[in-house]
Amino acid sequence: QVQLVESGGGLAQAGGSLRLSCAASGRTFSNWCMGWFRQASGKEREFVAAISWSGGLIYYADSVKGRFTISRDNAKNTVYLQMNSLKLEDTAVYYCAATPRTNVLGRRSALDYDAWGQGTQVTVSS
């Protein structure tokens, strides 16, 4: 099992930036592919980004491509989501998730992930 804890959420103005972190513990972090999802109030949980254990495979939702960057530091057991050029529609609870299966990352589905963090709120204001 792997335990995940997100941090770095908060309030930002449109056009601003935030950096989310997800700290992992338990099972060896480097064996897990990692994803970021978000869920706005009253809406379904949506895929944001995913990264394989080595960082060789990266996927983004079309809505964040060019603005968000996912990365990981396996030595620190941490995955990051750098969020730039924030928009009002980025407001959501952001969740870190883990899956051991590299071949599912392109599906961009929350159903493929086995472990989840508690979420961190990101609020973008005008």
C-alpha atoms as a PDB file:
ATOM      1  CA  GLN A   1       0.000   0.000   0.000  1.00  0.00           C
ATOM      2  CA  VAL A   2       1.002   3.599  -0.499  1.00  0.00           C
ATOM      3  CA  GLN A   3      -0.262   6.578   1.485  1.00  0.00           C
ATOM      4  CA  LEU A   4      -0.532   9.965  -0.210  1.00  0.00           C
ATOM      5  CA  VAL A   5      -0.810  13.452   1.286  1.00  0.00           C
ATOM      6  CA  GLU A   6      -1.346  16.532  -0.878  1.00  0.00           C
ATOM      7  CA  SER A   7      -0.275  20.043   0.028  1.00  0.00           C
ATOM      8  CA  GLY A   8       0.199  23.427  -1.597  1.00  0.00           C
ATOM      9  CA  GLY A   9      -3.384  24.316  -2.380  1.00  0.00           C
ATOM     10  CA  GLY A  10      -4.838  27.694  -1.588  1.00  0.00           C
ATOM     11  CA  LEU A  11      -6.101  30.893  -3.126  1.00  0.00           C
ATOM     12  CA  ALA A  12      -4.651  32.360  -6.298  1.00  0.00           C
ATOM     13  CA  GLN A  13      -5.709  35.057  -8.714  1.00  0.00           C
ATOM     14  CA  ALA A  14      -6.464  34.305 -12.328  1.00  0.00           C
ATOM     15  CA  GLY A  15      -3.192  34.262 -14.224  1.00  0.00           C
ATOM     16  CA  GLY A  16      -1.244  33.304 -11.129  1.00  0.00           C
ATOM     17  CA  SER A  17       0.544  30.113 -10.122  1.00  0.00           C
ATOM     18  CA  LEU A  18       0.469  27.407  -7.479  1.00  0.00           C
ATOM     19  CA  ARG A  19       2.625  24.341  -6.941  1.00  0.00           C
ATOM     20  CA  LEU A  20       0.987  21.262  -5.485  1.00  0.00           C
ATOM     21  CA  SER A  21       2.984  18.518  -3.805  1.00  0.00           C
ATOM     22  CA  CYS A  22       2.052  14.933  -3.025  1.00  0.00           C
ATOM     23  CA  ALA A  23       4.158  13.113  -0.459  1.00  0.00           C
ATOM     24  CA  ALA A  24       4.080   9.319  -0.547  1.00  0.00           C
ATOM     25  CA  SER A  25       4.880   6.744   2.106  1.00  0.00           C
ATOM     26  CA  GLY A  26       4.476   3.006   2.536  1.00  0.00           C
ATOM     27  CA  ARG A  27       5.226   0.885  -0.530  1.00  0.00           C
ATOM     28  CA  THR A  28       8.197   1.915  -2.623  1.00  0.00           C
ATOM     29  CA  PHE A  29       7.166   5.148  -4.293  1.00  0.00           C
ATOM     30  CA  SER A  30       9.164   4.616  -7.458  1.00  0.00           C
ATOM     31  CA  ASN A  31       7.141   1.493  -8.294  1.00  0.00           C
ATOM     32  CA  TRP A  32       3.954   3.548  -8.697  1.00  0.00           C
ATOM     33  CA  CYS A  33       2.712   5.668 -11.536  1.00  0.00           C
ATOM     34  CA  MET A  34       1.167   8.886 -10.258  1.00  0.00           C
ATOM     35  CA  GLY A  35      -1.760  10.992 -11.344  1.00  0.00           C
ATOM     36  CA  TRP A  36      -3.479  14.226 -10.464  1.00  0.00           C
ATOM     37  CA  PHE A  37      -7.251  14.556 -10.623  1.00  0.00           C
ATOM     38  CA  ARG A  38      -9.581  17.366  -9.678  1.00  0.00           C
ATOM     39  CA  GLN A  39     -13.206  17.658  -8.712  1.00  0.00           C
ATOM     40  CA  ALA A  40     -15.147  20.887  -8.825  1.00  0.00           C
ATOM     41  CA  SER A  41     -18.215  21.290  -6.652  1.00  0.00           C
ATOM     42  CA  GLY A  42     -21.131  19.381  -8.118  1.00  0.00           C
ATOM     43  CA  LYS A  43     -19.067  17.880 -10.955  1.00  0.00           C
ATOM     44  CA  GLU A  44     -17.373  14.564 -11.694  1.00  0.00           C
ATOM     45  CA  ARG A  45     -13.779  13.890 -10.784  1.00  0.00           C
ATOM     46  CA  GLU A  46     -11.654  14.754 -13.820  1.00  0.00           C
ATOM     47  CA  PHE A  47      -8.221  13.717 -14.995  1.00  0.00           C
ATOM     48  CA  VAL A  48      -5.516  16.392 -14.896  1.00  0.00           C
ATOM     49  CA  ALA A  49      -2.124  14.735 -15.460  1.00  0.00           C
ATOM     50  CA  ALA A  50      -0.237  11.464 -15.027  1.00  0.00           C
ATOM     51  CA  ILE A  51       3.393  10.365 -14.974  1.00  0.00           C
ATOM     52  CA  SER A  52       5.055   6.948 -15.086  1.00  0.00           C
ATOM     53  CA  TRP A  53       7.527   5.777 -12.461  1.00  0.00           C
ATOM     54  CA  SER A  54      10.524   6.878 -14.533  1.00  0.00           C
ATOM     55  CA  GLY A  55       8.935  10.045 -15.863  1.00  0.00           C
ATOM     56  CA  GLY A  56       9.178   8.713 -19.406  1.00  0.00           C
ATOM     57  CA  LEU A  57       5.430   8.760 -20.008  1.00  0.00           C
ATOM     58  CA  ILE A  58       3.428  11.900 -19.259  1.00  0.00           C
ATOM     59  CA  TYR A  59      -0.199  12.680 -20.047  1.00  0.00           C
ATOM     60  CA  TYR A  60      -2.209  15.866 -19.636  1.00  0.00           C
ATOM     61  CA  ALA A  61      -5.823  16.801 -19.972  1.00  0.00           C
ATOM     62  CA  ASP A  62      -6.356  19.084 -22.946  1.00  0.00           C
ATOM     63  CA  SER A  63      -7.708  21.750 -20.616  1.00  0.00           C
ATOM     64  CA  VAL A  64      -4.379  22.109 -18.770  1.00  0.00           C
ATOM     65  CA  LYS A  65      -1.823  21.276 -21.462  1.00  0.00           C
ATOM     66  CA  GLY A  66       0.713  24.071 -21.784  1.00  0.00           C
ATOM     67  CA  ARG A  67      -0.197  25.520 -18.390  1.00  0.00           C
ATOM     68  CA  PHE A  68       0.389  22.682 -15.904  1.00  0.00           C
ATOM     69  CA  THR A  69       3.492  20.525 -15.488  1.00  0.00           C
ATOM     70  CA  ILE A  70       3.645  17.209 -13.647  1.00  0.00           C
ATOM     71  CA  SER A  71       6.974  15.978 -12.315  1.00  0.00           C
ATOM     72  CA  ARG A  72       8.312  13.635  -9.674  1.00  0.00           C
ATOM     73  CA  ASP A  73      11.335  13.307  -7.449  1.00  0.00           C
ATOM     74  CA  ASN A  74      11.618   9.656  -6.495  1.00  0.00           C
ATOM     75  CA  ALA A  75      14.468  10.358  -4.073  1.00  0.00           C
ATOM     76  CA  LYS A  76      12.054  12.567  -2.114  1.00  0.00           C
ATOM     77  CA  ASN A  77       9.005  10.323  -2.634  1.00  0.00           C
ATOM     78  CA  THR A  78       7.133  13.310  -4.007  1.00  0.00           C
ATOM     79  CA  VAL A  79       5.144  14.178  -7.122  1.00  0.00           C
ATOM     80  CA  TYR A  80       4.439  17.781  -8.087  1.00  0.00           C
ATOM     81  CA  LEU A  81       1.920  19.696 -10.133  1.00  0.00           C
ATOM     82  CA  GLN A  82       3.099  23.132 -11.198  1.00  0.00           C
ATOM     83  CA  MET A  83       0.042  25.173 -12.125  1.00  0.00           C
ATOM     84  CA  ASN A  84       0.625  28.334 -14.161  1.00  0.00           C
ATOM     85  CA  SER A  85      -1.724  30.750 -15.904  1.00  0.00           C
ATOM     86  CA  LEU A  86      -4.533  29.719 -13.589  1.00  0.00           C
ATOM     87  CA  LYS A  87      -8.112  30.181 -14.715  1.00  0.00           C
ATOM     88  CA  LEU A  88     -11.339  30.412 -12.751  1.00  0.00           C
ATOM     89  CA  GLU A  89     -12.327  26.992 -14.094  1.00  0.00           C
ATOM     90  CA  ASP A  90      -9.285  25.445 -12.400  1.00  0.00           C
ATOM     91  CA  THR A  91     -11.037  25.881  -9.049  1.00  0.00           C
ATOM     92  CA  ALA A  92     -11.476  22.404  -7.555  1.00  0.00           C
ATOM     93  CA  VAL A  93     -10.264  19.964  -4.962  1.00  0.00           C
ATOM     94  CA  TYR A  94      -7.098  18.393  -6.368  1.00  0.00           C
ATOM     95  CA  TYR A  95      -6.297  14.775  -5.575  1.00  0.00           C
ATOM     96  CA  CYS A  96      -3.087  12.824  -5.932  1.00  0.00           C
ATOM     97  CA  ALA A  97      -3.491   9.175  -6.919  1.00  0.00           C
ATOM     98  CA  ALA A  98      -1.303   6.128  -7.554  1.00  0.00           C
ATOM     99  CA  THR A  99      -1.486   3.064  -9.784  1.00  0.00           C
ATOM    100  CA  PRO A 100       1.045   0.285 -10.373  1.00  0.00           C
ATOM    101  CA  ARG A 101      -0.058  -0.162 -13.987  1.00  0.00           C
ATOM    102  CA  THR A 102       1.803   1.860 -16.586  1.00  0.00           C
ATOM    103  CA  ASN A 103      -0.393   0.703 -19.454  1.00  0.00           C
ATOM    104  CA  VAL A 104      -3.524   2.404 -18.093  1.00  0.00           C
ATOM    105  CA  LEU A 105      -2.204   5.952 -17.877  1.00  0.00           C
ATOM    106  CA  GLY A 106      -3.438   6.906 -21.318  1.00  0.00           C
ATOM    107  CA  ARG A 107      -6.996   5.975 -20.331  1.00  0.00           C
ATOM    108  CA  ARG A 108      -7.065   9.024 -18.057  1.00  0.00           C
ATOM    109  CA  SER A 109      -9.567   7.309 -15.787  1.00  0.00           C
ATOM    110  CA  ALA A 110      -9.892   7.611 -12.014  1.00  0.00           C
ATOM    111  CA  LEU A 111     -11.081   4.006 -11.953  1.00  0.00           C
ATOM    112  CA  ASP A 112      -7.548   2.801 -12.725  1.00  0.00           C
ATOM    113  CA  TYR A 113      -6.016   4.277  -9.576  1.00  0.00           C
ATOM    114  CA  ASP A 114      -5.719   2.314  -6.351  1.00  0.00           C
ATOM    115  CA  ALA A 115      -4.598   4.853  -3.747  1.00  0.00           C
ATOM    116  CA  TRP A 116      -5.781   8.413  -3.186  1.00  0.00           C
ATOM    117  CA  GLY A 117      -4.818  11.355  -1.054  1.00  0.00           C
ATOM    118  CA  GLN A 118      -7.264  13.439   0.939  1.00  0.00           C
ATOM    119  CA  GLY A 119      -7.300  16.306  -1.533  1.00  0.00           C
ATOM    120  CA  THR A 120      -6.238  19.939  -1.387  1.00  0.00           C
ATOM    121  CA  GLN A 121      -8.454  22.883  -2.299  1.00  0.00           C
ATOM    122  CA  VAL A 122      -7.409  25.211  -5.105  1.00  0.00           C
ATOM    123  CA  THR A 123      -9.470  28.371  -5.499  1.00  0.00           C
ATOM    124  CA  VAL A 124      -8.854  30.798  -8.353  1.00  0.00           C
ATOM    125  CA  SER A 125     -10.425  34.225  -8.081  1.00  0.00           C
ATOM    126  CA  SER A 126     -10.825  37.161 -10.429  1.00  0.00           C
END
